PDB file of N, CA and C in Angstrom:
ATOM      1  N   MET A   1      81.436 262.739  -6.504  1.00  0.00           N
ATOM      2  CA  MET A   1      80.644 262.776  -5.250  1.00  0.00           C
ATOM      3  C   MET A   1      79.120 263.096  -5.508  1.00  0.00           C
ATOM      4  N   GLY A   2      78.841 263.426  -6.897  1.00  0.00           N
ATOM      5  CA  GLY A   2      77.451 263.729  -7.314  1.00  0.00           C
ATOM      6  C   GLY A   2      76.902 265.249  -7.106  1.00  0.00           C
ATOM      7  N   PRO A   3      75.678 265.394  -7.224  1.00  0.00           N
ATOM      8  CA  PRO A   3      75.049 266.569  -7.177  1.00  0.00           C
ATOM      9  C   PRO A   3      74.954 267.212  -5.871  1.00  0.00           C
ATOM     10  N   ASP A   4      75.142 266.441  -4.735  1.00  0.00           N
ATOM     11  CA  ASP A   4      75.075 266.963  -3.558  1.00  0.00           C
ATOM     12  C   ASP A   4      75.983 267.715  -2.969  1.00  0.00           C
ATOM     13  N   VAL A   5      77.123 267.729  -3.654  1.00  0.00           N
ATOM     14  CA  VAL A   5      78.357 268.596  -3.136  1.00  0.00           C
ATOM     15  C   VAL A   5      77.975 270.077  -2.925  1.00  0.00           C
ATOM     16  N   GLN A   6      77.409 270.650  -3.931  1.00  0.00           N
ATOM     17  CA  GLN A   6      77.109 272.005  -3.846  1.00  0.00           C
ATOM     18  C   GLN A   6      76.188 272.421  -2.711  1.00  0.00           C
ATOM     19  N   ALA A   7      75.264 271.481  -2.381  1.00  0.00           N
ATOM     20  CA  ALA A   7      74.306 271.627  -1.338  1.00  0.00           C
ATOM     21  C   ALA A   7      74.851 271.484  -0.129  1.00  0.00           C
ATOM     22  N   ALA A   8      75.634 270.590   0.076  1.00  0.00           N
ATOM     23  CA  ALA A   8      76.440 270.350   1.422  1.00  0.00           C
ATOM     24  C   ALA A   8      77.496 271.280   1.766  1.00  0.00           C
ATOM     25  N   ALA A   9      78.116 271.920   0.626  1.00  0.00           N
ATOM     26  CA  ALA A   9      79.344 272.716   0.890  1.00  0.00           C
ATOM     27  C   ALA A   9      79.002 273.886   2.155  1.00  0.00           C
ATOM     28  N   PRO A  10      78.155 274.639   2.147  1.00  0.00           N
ATOM     29  CA  PRO A  10      77.790 275.605   3.018  1.00  0.00           C
ATOM     30  C   PRO A  10      77.741 275.007   4.451  1.00  0.00           C
ATOM     31  N   TRP A  11      77.203 273.772   4.580  1.00  0.00           N
ATOM     32  CA  TRP A  11      77.049 273.175   5.956  1.00  0.00           C
ATOM     33  C   TRP A  11      78.364 272.464   6.375  1.00  0.00           C
ATOM     34  N   LEU A  12      79.262 272.126   5.497  1.00  0.00           N
ATOM     35  CA  LEU A  12      80.507 271.550   5.818  1.00  0.00           C
ATOM     36  C   LEU A  12      81.334 272.856   6.151  1.00  0.00           C
ATOM     37  N   ALA A  13      81.243 273.923   5.535  1.00  0.00           N
ATOM     38  CA  ALA A  13      82.072 275.102   5.837  1.00  0.00           C
ATOM     39  C   ALA A  13      81.731 275.633   7.340  1.00  0.00           C
ATOM     40  N   LEU A  14      80.354 275.513   7.520  1.00  0.00           N
ATOM     41  CA  LEU A  14      79.953 276.042   8.822  1.00  0.00           C
ATOM     42  C   LEU A  14      80.496 274.972   9.869  1.00  0.00           C
ATOM     43  N   ALA A  15      80.508 273.724   9.607  1.00  0.00           N
ATOM     44  CA  ALA A  15      80.970 272.786  10.680  1.00  0.00           C
ATOM     45  C   ALA A  15      82.558 272.973  10.967  1.00  0.00           C
ATOM     46  N   LYS A  16      83.160 273.355   9.926  1.00  0.00           N
ATOM     47  CA  LYS A  16      84.581 273.712  10.120  1.00  0.00           C
ATOM     48  C   LYS A  16      84.825 274.956  10.890  1.00  0.00           C
ATOM     49  N   PHE A  17      83.963 275.882  10.554  1.00  0.00           N
ATOM     50  CA  PHE A  17      84.206 277.233  11.282  1.00  0.00           C
ATOM     51  C   PHE A  17      83.674 276.956  12.737  1.00  0.00           C
ATOM     52  N   ALA A  18      82.857 276.209  13.034  1.00  0.00           N
ATOM     53  CA  ALA A  18      82.356 275.981  14.334  1.00  0.00           C
ATOM     54  C   ALA A  18      83.445 275.121  15.143  1.00  0.00           C
ATOM     55  N   SER A  19      84.201 274.153  14.505  1.00  0.00           N
ATOM     56  CA  SER A  19      85.254 273.563  15.346  1.00  0.00           C
ATOM     57  C   SER A  19      86.334 274.409  15.465  1.00  0.00           C
ATOM     58  N   LEU A  20      86.638 275.349  14.692  1.00  0.00           N
ATOM     59  CA  LEU A  20      87.725 276.325  14.760  1.00  0.00           C
ATOM     60  C   LEU A  20      87.271 277.345  15.911  1.00  0.00           C
ATOM     61  N   ALA A  21      86.067 277.723  15.980  1.00  0.00           N
ATOM     62  CA  ALA A  21      85.685 278.605  17.095  1.00  0.00           C
ATOM     63  C   ALA A  21      85.727 277.999  18.290  1.00  0.00           C
ATOM     64  N   TRP A  22      85.502 276.679  18.477  1.00  0.00           N
ATOM     65  CA  TRP A  22      85.439 275.968  19.642  1.00  0.00           C
ATOM     66  C   TRP A  22      86.888 275.956  20.160  1.00  0.00           C
ATOM     67  N   VAL A  23      87.870 275.564  19.196  1.00  0.00           N
ATOM     68  CA  VAL A  23      89.181 275.516  19.706  1.00  0.00           C
ATOM     69  C   VAL A  23      89.822 276.949  20.233  1.00  0.00           C
ATOM     70  N   ILE A  24      89.407 277.954  19.340  1.00  0.00           N
ATOM     71  CA  ILE A  24      89.866 279.323  19.907  1.00  0.00           C
ATOM     72  C   ILE A  24      89.218 279.487  21.287  1.00  0.00           C
ATOM     73  N   ALA A  25      88.002 279.337  21.318  1.00  0.00           N
ATOM     74  CA  ALA A  25      87.287 279.700  22.808  1.00  0.00           C
ATOM     75  C   ALA A  25      87.855 278.875  23.845  1.00  0.00           C
ATOM     76  N   VAL A  26      87.986 277.468  23.605  1.00  0.00           N
ATOM     77  CA  VAL A  26      88.475 276.828  24.834  1.00  0.00           C
ATOM     78  C   VAL A  26      89.995 276.876  24.962  1.00  0.00           C
ATOM     79  N   GLY A  27      90.755 276.667  23.695  1.00  0.00           N
ATOM     80  CA  GLY A  27      92.205 276.654  23.803  1.00  0.00           C
ATOM     81  C   GLY A  27      92.949 278.007  24.146  1.00  0.00           C
ATOM     82  N   TRP A  28      92.369 279.094  23.853  1.00  0.00           N
ATOM     83  CA  TRP A  28      92.998 280.280  23.958  1.00  0.00           C
ATOM     84  C   TRP A  28      92.330 281.127  25.177  1.00  0.00           C
ATOM     85  N   LEU A  29      91.038 281.337  25.038  1.00  0.00           N
ATOM     86  CA  LEU A  29      90.415 282.263  25.986  1.00  0.00           C
ATOM     87  C   LEU A  29      90.387 281.708  27.243  1.00  0.00           C
ATOM     88  N   VAL A  30      90.340 280.289  27.547  1.00  0.00           N
ATOM     89  CA  VAL A  30      90.254 279.669  28.836  1.00  0.00           C
ATOM     90  C   VAL A  30      91.673 279.281  29.320  1.00  0.00           C
ATOM     91  N   SER A  31      92.316 278.499  28.465  1.00  0.00           N
ATOM     92  CA  SER A  31      93.528 277.871  29.038  1.00  0.00           C
ATOM     93  C   SER A  31      94.791 278.785  28.869  1.00  0.00           C
ATOM     94  N   TRP A  32      94.900 279.615  27.865  1.00  0.00           N
ATOM     95  CA  TRP A  32      95.901 280.351  27.619  1.00  0.00           C
ATOM     96  C   TRP A  32      96.424 281.274  28.745  1.00  0.00           C
ATOM     97  N   ARG A  33      95.411 281.945  29.274  1.00  0.00           N
ATOM     98  CA  ARG A  33      95.561 282.891  30.204  1.00  0.00           C
ATOM     99  C   ARG A  33      96.234 282.275  31.468  1.00  0.00           C
ATOM    100  N   ARG A  34      95.932 281.070  31.878  1.00  0.00           N
ATOM    101  CA  ARG A  34      96.432 280.371  32.987  1.00  0.00           C
ATOM    102  C   ARG A  34      97.924 279.915  32.993  1.00  0.00           C
ATOM    103  N   LEU A  35      98.528 279.885  31.762  1.00  0.00           N
ATOM    104  CA  LEU A  35      99.810 279.335  31.597  1.00  0.00           C
ATOM    105  C   LEU A  35     100.701 280.463  31.921  1.00  0.00           C
ATOM    106  N   ASP A  36     101.955 280.087  32.541  1.00  0.00           N
ATOM    107  CA  ASP A  36     103.120 281.021  32.673  1.00  0.00           C
ATOM    108  C   ASP A  36     103.737 281.162  31.353  1.00  0.00           C
ATOM    109  N   GLU A  37     104.623 282.108  31.238  1.00  0.00           N
ATOM    110  CA  GLU A  37     105.345 282.282  29.982  1.00  0.00           C
ATOM    111  C   GLU A  37     106.133 281.241  29.300  1.00  0.00           C
ATOM    112  N   ARG A  38     106.768 280.425  30.192  1.00  0.00           N
ATOM    113  CA  ARG A  38     107.584 279.275  29.692  1.00  0.00           C
ATOM    114  C   ARG A  38     106.598 278.406  29.077  1.00  0.00           C
ATOM    115  N   GLU A  39     105.466 278.033  29.625  1.00  0.00           N
ATOM    116  CA  GLU A  39     104.523 277.155  29.200  1.00  0.00           C
ATOM    117  C   GLU A  39     103.793 277.426  27.869  1.00  0.00           C
ATOM    118  N   GLN A  40     103.496 278.860  27.861  1.00  0.00           N
ATOM    119  CA  GLN A  40     102.971 279.490  26.545  1.00  0.00           C
ATOM    120  C   GLN A  40     103.914 279.261  25.430  1.00  0.00           C
ATOM    121  N   GLU A  41     105.153 279.471  25.605  1.00  0.00           N
ATOM    122  CA  GLU A  41     106.244 279.378  24.525  1.00  0.00           C
ATOM    123  C   GLU A  41     106.375 277.877  24.098  1.00  0.00           C
ATOM    124  N   THR A  42     106.291 276.945  25.140  1.00  0.00           N
ATOM    125  CA  THR A  42     106.269 275.410  24.767  1.00  0.00           C
ATOM    126  C   THR A  42     105.125 275.183  24.080  1.00  0.00           C
ATOM    127  N   ARG A  43     103.970 275.748  24.394  1.00  0.00           N
ATOM    128  CA  ARG A  43     102.724 275.377  23.603  1.00  0.00           C
ATOM    129  C   ARG A  43     102.827 275.879  22.181  1.00  0.00           C
ATOM    130  N   LYS A  44     103.270 277.215  22.058  1.00  0.00           N
ATOM    131  CA  LYS A  44     103.377 277.753  20.672  1.00  0.00           C
ATOM    132  C   LYS A  44     104.387 277.138  19.914  1.00  0.00           C
ATOM    133  N   THR A  45     105.296 276.628  20.394  1.00  0.00           N
ATOM    134  CA  THR A  45     106.346 275.923  19.540  1.00  0.00           C
ATOM    135  C   THR A  45     105.833 274.520  19.080  1.00  0.00           C
ATOM    136  N   SER A  46     105.309 273.891  20.203  1.00  0.00           N
ATOM    137  CA  SER A  46     104.840 272.521  19.850  1.00  0.00           C
ATOM    138  C   SER A  46     103.590 272.548  18.866  1.00  0.00           C
ATOM    139  N   TRP A  47     102.784 273.583  18.996  1.00  0.00           N
ATOM    140  CA  TRP A  47     101.592 273.687  17.936  1.00  0.00           C
ATOM    141  C   TRP A  47     102.218 273.968  16.481  1.00  0.00           C
ATOM    142  N   PHE A  48     103.285 274.744  16.416  1.00  0.00           N
ATOM    143  CA  PHE A  48     103.765 275.192  15.142  1.00  0.00           C
ATOM    144  C   PHE A  48     104.395 273.984  14.609  1.00  0.00           C
ATOM    145  N   ILE A  49     105.129 273.235  15.356  1.00  0.00           N
ATOM    146  CA  ILE A  49     105.681 271.995  14.804  1.00  0.00           C
ATOM    147  C   ILE A  49     104.707 270.826  14.579  1.00  0.00           C
ATOM    148  N   GLY A  50     103.741 270.771  15.471  1.00  0.00           N
ATOM    149  CA  GLY A  50     102.669 269.863  15.205  1.00  0.00           C
ATOM    150  C   GLY A  50     101.746 270.162  14.010  1.00  0.00           C
ATOM    151  N   SER A  51     101.538 271.371  13.817  1.00  0.00           N
ATOM    152  CA  SER A  51     100.694 271.906  12.503  1.00  0.00           C
ATOM    153  C   SER A  51     101.403 271.571  11.339  1.00  0.00           C
ATOM    154  N   THR A  52     102.894 272.027  11.229  1.00  0.00           N
ATOM    155  CA  THR A  52     103.552 271.823  10.173  1.00  0.00           C
ATOM    156  C   THR A  52     103.681 270.249   9.764  1.00  0.00           C
ATOM    157  N   ALA A  53     104.101 269.466  10.802  1.00  0.00           N
ATOM    158  CA  ALA A  53     104.123 267.974  10.445  1.00  0.00           C
ATOM    159  C   ALA A  53     102.709 267.456  10.079  1.00  0.00           C
ATOM    160  N   ALA A  54     101.765 267.702  10.600  1.00  0.00           N
ATOM    161  CA  ALA A  54     100.356 267.353  10.258  1.00  0.00           C
ATOM    162  C   ALA A  54     100.132 267.630   8.734  1.00  0.00           C
ATOM    163  N   ILE A  55     100.457 268.860   8.342  1.00  0.00           N
ATOM    164  CA  ILE A  55     100.143 269.356   6.949  1.00  0.00           C
ATOM    165  C   ILE A  55     101.028 268.424   5.951  1.00  0.00           C
ATOM    166  N   LEU A  56     102.345 268.244   6.482  1.00  0.00           N
ATOM    167  CA  LEU A  56     103.235 267.487   5.677  1.00  0.00           C
ATOM    168  C   LEU A  56     102.945 265.924   5.545  1.00  0.00           C
ATOM    169  N   LEU A  57     102.250 265.533   6.466  1.00  0.00           N
ATOM    170  CA  LEU A  57     101.819 264.116   6.635  1.00  0.00           C
ATOM    171  C   LEU A  57     100.400 263.939   5.853  1.00  0.00           C
ATOM    172  N   THR A  58      99.507 264.908   5.906  1.00  0.00           N
ATOM    173  CA  THR A  58      98.248 264.504   5.300  1.00  0.00           C
ATOM    174  C   THR A  58      98.175 265.288   4.007  1.00  0.00           C
ATOM    175  N   ALA A  59      98.998 266.126   3.423  1.00  0.00           N
ATOM    176  CA  ALA A  59      98.824 266.770   2.238  1.00  0.00           C
ATOM    177  C   ALA A  59      99.135 265.759   1.154  1.00  0.00           C
ATOM    178  N   PRO A  60     100.065 264.763   1.226  1.00  0.00           N
ATOM    179  CA  PRO A  60     100.167 263.790   0.196  1.00  0.00           C
ATOM    180  C   PRO A  60      98.952 262.836   0.026  1.00  0.00           C
ATOM    181  N   VAL A  61      98.437 262.502   1.150  1.00  0.00           N
ATOM    182  CA  VAL A  61      97.163 261.754   1.175  1.00  0.00           C
ATOM    183  C   VAL A  61      96.096 262.437   0.496  1.00  0.00           C
ATOM    184  N   MET A  62      95.844 263.595   0.807  1.00  0.00           N
ATOM    185  CA  MET A  62      94.951 264.619   0.125  1.00  0.00           C
ATOM    186  C   MET A  62      95.081 264.628  -1.450  1.00  0.00           C
ATOM    187  N   VAL A  63      96.212 264.712  -1.840  1.00  0.00           N
ATOM    188  CA  VAL A  63      96.575 264.890  -3.325  1.00  0.00           C
ATOM    189  C   VAL A  63      96.437 263.482  -3.867  1.00  0.00           C
ATOM    190  N   PHE A  64      96.741 262.345  -3.226  1.00  0.00           N
ATOM    191  CA  PHE A  64      96.399 260.942  -3.670  1.00  0.00           C
ATOM    192  C   PHE A  64      94.867 260.972  -3.871  1.00  0.00           C
ATOM    193  N   CYS A  65      94.211 261.292  -2.890  1.00  0.00           N
ATOM    194  CA  CYS A  65      92.678 261.210  -3.131  1.00  0.00           C
ATOM    195  C   CYS A  65      92.084 262.082  -4.199  1.00  0.00           C
ATOM    196  N   LEU A  66      92.641 263.222  -4.245  1.00  0.00           N
ATOM    197  CA  LEU A  66      92.175 264.227  -5.233  1.00  0.00           C
ATOM    198  C   LEU A  66      92.477 263.685  -6.669  1.00  0.00           C
ATOM    199  N   VAL A  67      93.685 263.105  -6.825  1.00  0.00           N
ATOM    200  CA  VAL A  67      94.124 262.498  -8.223  1.00  0.00           C
ATOM    201  C   VAL A  67      93.188 261.543  -8.594  1.00  0.00           C
ATOM    202  N   GLY A  68      92.917 260.654  -7.481  1.00  0.00           N
ATOM    203  CA  GLY A  68      92.020 259.389  -7.856  1.00  0.00           C
ATOM    204  C   GLY A  68      90.574 259.867  -7.803  1.00  0.00           C
ATOM    205  N   GLY A  69      90.258 261.146  -7.701  1.00  0.00           N
ATOM    206  CA  GLY A  69      88.866 261.508  -7.757  1.00  0.00           C
ATOM    207  C   GLY A  69      88.100 261.055  -6.496  1.00  0.00           C
ATOM    208  N   GLY A  70      88.796 260.667  -5.479  1.00  0.00           N
ATOM    209  CA  GLY A  70      88.200 260.155  -4.203  1.00  0.00           C
ATOM    210  C   GLY A  70      87.562 258.688  -4.347  1.00  0.00           C
ATOM    211  N   ALA A  71      87.952 258.106  -5.424  1.00  0.00           N
ATOM    212  CA  ALA A  71      87.503 256.749  -5.697  1.00  0.00           C
ATOM    213  C   ALA A  71      87.780 255.715  -4.479  1.00  0.00           C
ATOM    214  N   PHE A  72      89.108 256.004  -4.057  1.00  0.00           N
ATOM    215  CA  PHE A  72      89.604 255.279  -2.902  1.00  0.00           C
ATOM    216  C   PHE A  72      88.817 255.269  -1.606  1.00  0.00           C
ATOM    217  N   LEU A  73      88.496 256.541  -1.290  1.00  0.00           N
ATOM    218  CA  LEU A  73      87.649 256.708  -0.154  1.00  0.00           C
ATOM    219  C   LEU A  73      86.172 256.301  -0.248  1.00  0.00           C
ATOM    220  N   GLU A  74      85.588 256.549  -1.388  1.00  0.00           N
ATOM    221  CA  GLU A  74      84.269 256.036  -1.795  1.00  0.00           C
ATOM    222  C   GLU A  74      84.312 254.555  -1.716  1.00  0.00           C
ATOM    223  N   HIS A  75      85.227 253.913  -2.151  1.00  0.00           N
ATOM    224  CA  HIS A  75      85.248 252.475  -2.069  1.00  0.00           C
ATOM    225  C   HIS A  75      85.387 252.068  -0.756  1.00  0.00           C
ATOM    226  N   LEU A  76      86.179 252.661   0.079  1.00  0.00           N
ATOM    227  CA  LEU A  76      86.218 252.294   1.507  1.00  0.00           C
ATOM    228  C   LEU A  76      85.106 252.594   2.373  1.00  0.00           C
ATOM    229  N   LEU A  77      84.475 253.569   2.123  1.00  0.00           N
ATOM    230  CA  LEU A  77      83.238 253.909   2.903  1.00  0.00           C
ATOM    231  C   LEU A  77      81.925 253.303   2.337  1.00  0.00           C
ATOM    232  N   GLY A  78      82.049 252.874   1.062  1.00  0.00           N
ATOM    233  CA  GLY A  78      80.836 252.158   0.508  1.00  0.00           C
ATOM    234  C   GLY A  78      79.686 253.101   0.266  1.00  0.00           C
ATOM    235  N   ARG A  79      78.589 252.654   0.863  1.00  0.00           N
ATOM    236  CA  ARG A  79      77.140 253.296   0.691  1.00  0.00           C
ATOM    237  C   ARG A  79      77.246 254.633   1.477  1.00  0.00           C
ATOM    238  N   ARG A  80      78.131 254.609   2.509  1.00  0.00           N
ATOM    239  CA  ARG A  80      78.199 255.802   3.549  1.00  0.00           C
ATOM    240  C   ARG A  80      78.999 256.916   3.039  1.00  0.00           C
ATOM    241  N   SER A  81      79.489 256.807   1.609  1.00  0.00           N
ATOM    242  CA  SER A  81      80.182 257.646   0.999  1.00  0.00           C
ATOM    243  C   SER A  81      79.509 258.965   0.679  1.00  0.00           C
ATOM    244  N   THR A  82      79.209 259.867   1.676  1.00  0.00           N
ATOM    245  CA  THR A  82      78.549 261.151   1.481  1.00  0.00           C
ATOM    246  C   THR A  82      79.529 262.214   1.434  1.00  0.00           C
ATOM    247  N   PRO A  83      79.246 263.524   0.792  1.00  0.00           N
ATOM    248  CA  PRO A  83      80.107 264.518   1.096  1.00  0.00           C
ATOM    249  C   PRO A  83      80.480 264.881   2.539  1.00  0.00           C
ATOM    250  N   GLY A  84      79.499 264.767   3.413  1.00  0.00           N
ATOM    251  CA  GLY A  84      79.625 264.889   4.841  1.00  0.00           C
ATOM    252  C   GLY A  84      80.701 263.905   5.351  1.00  0.00           C
ATOM    253  N   ALA A  85      80.584 262.687   4.989  1.00  0.00           N
ATOM    254  CA  ALA A  85      81.572 261.737   5.557  1.00  0.00           C
ATOM    255  C   ALA A  85      82.806 261.698   5.072  1.00  0.00           C
ATOM    256  N   LEU A  86      82.977 262.238   3.969  1.00  0.00           N
ATOM    257  CA  LEU A  86      84.295 262.432   3.207  1.00  0.00           C
ATOM    258  C   LEU A  86      84.883 263.640   3.898  1.00  0.00           C
ATOM    259  N   PHE A  87      84.089 264.834   4.146  1.00  0.00           N
ATOM    260  CA  PHE A  87      84.707 265.996   4.895  1.00  0.00           C
ATOM    261  C   PHE A  87      85.066 265.540   6.305  1.00  0.00           C
ATOM    262  N   THR A  88      84.306 264.812   6.964  1.00  0.00           N
ATOM    263  CA  THR A  88      84.605 264.305   8.364  1.00  0.00           C
ATOM    264  C   THR A  88      85.881 263.506   8.357  1.00  0.00           C
ATOM    265  N   LEU A  89      85.953 262.607   7.383  1.00  0.00           N
ATOM    266  CA  LEU A  89      87.270 261.799   7.323  1.00  0.00           C
ATOM    267  C   LEU A  89      88.462 262.684   7.107  1.00  0.00           C
ATOM    268  N   GLY A  90      88.395 263.613   6.194  1.00  0.00           N
ATOM    269  CA  GLY A  90      89.608 264.379   5.988  1.00  0.00           C
ATOM    270  C   GLY A  90      89.941 265.376   7.142  1.00  0.00           C
ATOM    271  N   TRP A  91      88.764 266.035   7.734  1.00  0.00           N
ATOM    272  CA  TRP A  91      89.073 266.930   8.716  1.00  0.00           C
ATOM    273  C   TRP A  91      89.577 266.169  10.087  1.00  0.00           C
ATOM    274  N   GLY A  92      88.944 265.025  10.345  1.00  0.00           N
ATOM    275  CA  GLY A  92      89.389 264.340  11.468  1.00  0.00           C
ATOM    276  C   GLY A  92      90.769 263.717  11.212  1.00  0.00           C
ATOM    277  N   GLY A  93      91.073 263.239  10.185  1.00  0.00           N
ATOM    278  CA  GLY A  93      92.401 262.936   9.937  1.00  0.00           C
ATOM    279  C   GLY A  93      93.593 264.010  10.216  1.00  0.00           C
ATOM    280  N   LEU A  94      93.219 265.215   9.656  1.00  0.00           N
ATOM    281  CA  LEU A  94      94.062 266.329   9.955  1.00  0.00           C
ATOM    282  C   LEU A  94      94.203 266.736  11.293  1.00  0.00           C
ATOM    283  N   VAL A  95      93.060 266.693  11.988  1.00  0.00           N
ATOM    284  CA  VAL A  95      93.198 267.101  13.481  1.00  0.00           C
ATOM    285  C   VAL A  95      93.777 266.041  14.247  1.00  0.00           C
ATOM    286  N   LEU A  96      93.524 264.702  14.036  1.00  0.00           N
ATOM    287  CA  LEU A  96      94.312 263.648  14.679  1.00  0.00           C
ATOM    288  C   LEU A  96      95.897 263.707  14.417  1.00  0.00           C
ATOM    289  N   ALA A  97      96.217 263.984  13.140  1.00  0.00           N
ATOM    290  CA  ALA A  97      97.548 264.041  12.875  1.00  0.00           C
ATOM    291  C   ALA A  97      98.235 265.217  13.566  1.00  0.00           C
ATOM    292  N   GLN A  98      97.513 266.275  13.607  1.00  0.00           N
ATOM    293  CA  GLN A  98      97.975 267.530  14.288  1.00  0.00           C
ATOM    294  C   GLN A  98      98.032 267.259  15.698  1.00  0.00           C
ATOM    295  N   LEU A  99      97.177 266.679  16.558  1.00  0.00           N
ATOM    296  CA  LEU A  99      97.230 266.426  17.874  1.00  0.00           C
ATOM    297  C   LEU A  99      98.344 265.463  18.249  1.00  0.00           C
ATOM    298  N   LEU A 100      98.466 264.423  17.384  1.00  0.00           N
ATOM    299  CA  LEU A 100      99.477 263.372  17.573  1.00  0.00           C
ATOM    300  C   LEU A 100     101.025 263.992  17.467  1.00  0.00           C
ATOM    301  N   SER A 101     101.221 264.771  16.348  1.00  0.00           N
ATOM    302  CA  SER A 101     102.547 265.304  16.236  1.00  0.00           C
ATOM    303  C   SER A 101     102.727 266.502  16.987  1.00  0.00           C
ATOM    304  N   THR A 102     101.717 267.123  17.715  1.00  0.00           N
ATOM    305  CA  THR A 102     101.917 268.196  18.865  1.00  0.00           C
ATOM    306  C   THR A 102     102.402 267.460  19.938  1.00  0.00           C
ATOM    307  N   LEU A 103     101.702 266.334  20.291  1.00  0.00           N
ATOM    308  CA  LEU A 103     102.077 265.773  21.499  1.00  0.00           C
ATOM    309  C   LEU A 103     103.530 265.156  21.583  1.00  0.00           C
ATOM    310  N   ILE A 104     103.946 264.765  20.285  1.00  0.00           N
ATOM    311  CA  ILE A 104     105.284 264.263  20.132  1.00  0.00           C
ATOM    312  C   ILE A 104     106.183 265.314  20.255  1.00  0.00           C
ATOM    313  N   ALA A 105     105.929 266.606  19.558  1.00  0.00           N
ATOM    314  CA  ALA A 105     106.772 267.672  19.683  1.00  0.00           C
ATOM    315  C   ALA A 105     107.061 268.186  21.109  1.00  0.00           C
ATOM    316  N   ARG A 106     105.901 268.288  21.855  1.00  0.00           N
ATOM    317  CA  ARG A 106     105.792 268.664  23.137  1.00  0.00           C
ATOM    318  C   ARG A 106     106.731 267.746  24.023  1.00  0.00           C
ATOM    319  N   ALA A 107     106.547 266.531  23.880  1.00  0.00           N
ATOM    320  CA  ALA A 107     107.298 265.414  24.716  1.00  0.00           C
ATOM    321  C   ALA A 107     108.819 265.554  24.443  1.00  0.00           C
ATOM    322  N   ALA A 108     109.155 265.740  22.988  1.00  0.00           N
ATOM    323  CA  ALA A 108     110.510 265.924  22.605  1.00  0.00           C
ATOM    324  C   ALA A 108     111.104 267.279  23.340  1.00  0.00           C
ATOM    325  N   GLN A 109     110.344 268.283  23.227  1.00  0.00           N
ATOM    326  CA  GLN A 109     110.716 269.457  23.811  1.00  0.00           C
ATOM    327  C   GLN A 109     110.967 269.570  25.266  1.00  0.00           C
ATOM    328  N   ARG A 110     110.099 268.846  26.024  1.00  0.00           N
ATOM    329  CA  ARG A 110     110.272 268.541  27.444  1.00  0.00           C
ATOM    330  C   ARG A 110     111.537 267.729  27.792  1.00  0.00           C
ATOM    331  N   MET A 111     111.695 266.780  27.057  1.00  0.00           N
ATOM    332  CA  MET A 111     113.116 265.969  27.202  1.00  0.00           C
ATOM    333  C   MET A 111     114.274 266.697  27.086  1.00  0.00           C
ATOM    334  N   ALA A 112     114.138 267.555  25.723  1.00  0.00           N
ATOM    335  CA  ALA A 112     115.338 268.296  25.559  1.00  0.00           C
ATOM    336  C   ALA A 112     115.663 269.448  26.692  1.00  0.00           C
ATOM    337  N   LYS A 113     114.856 269.812  27.336  1.00  0.00           N
ATOM    338  CA  LYS A 113     114.996 270.853  28.469  1.00  0.00           C
ATOM    339  C   LYS A 113     115.441 270.368  29.651  1.00  0.00           C
ATOM    340  N   ARG A 114     115.268 269.087  29.792  1.00  0.00           N
ATOM    341  CA  ARG A 114     115.602 268.457  31.137  1.00  0.00           C
ATOM    342  C   ARG A 114     117.032 268.205  31.222  1.00  0.00           C
TER     343      ARG A 114
END
């Protein structure tokens, strides 16, 4: 990734922290208090299952990219292959995998309770 990695690392960490802070502020402070106890338990369980599934799905991809030195992603992105773009691709992939697996877990949980 070149010499820009160390210069970009603090900004990428700040972006990750800001996205986590936004999720905490909106997801917990605003919506959590409005839910009844049953819905809180459903949300906790689906997020736990969704997070675990997302890590299990994306970890092998991350290892594949690390073993290859990121060459596959750099080839895929071409000239746009900057540390920020690679970070966004990885972070976005993990978040999308988590949201999708959480939605699947929540739907399965609701169908099981009916």
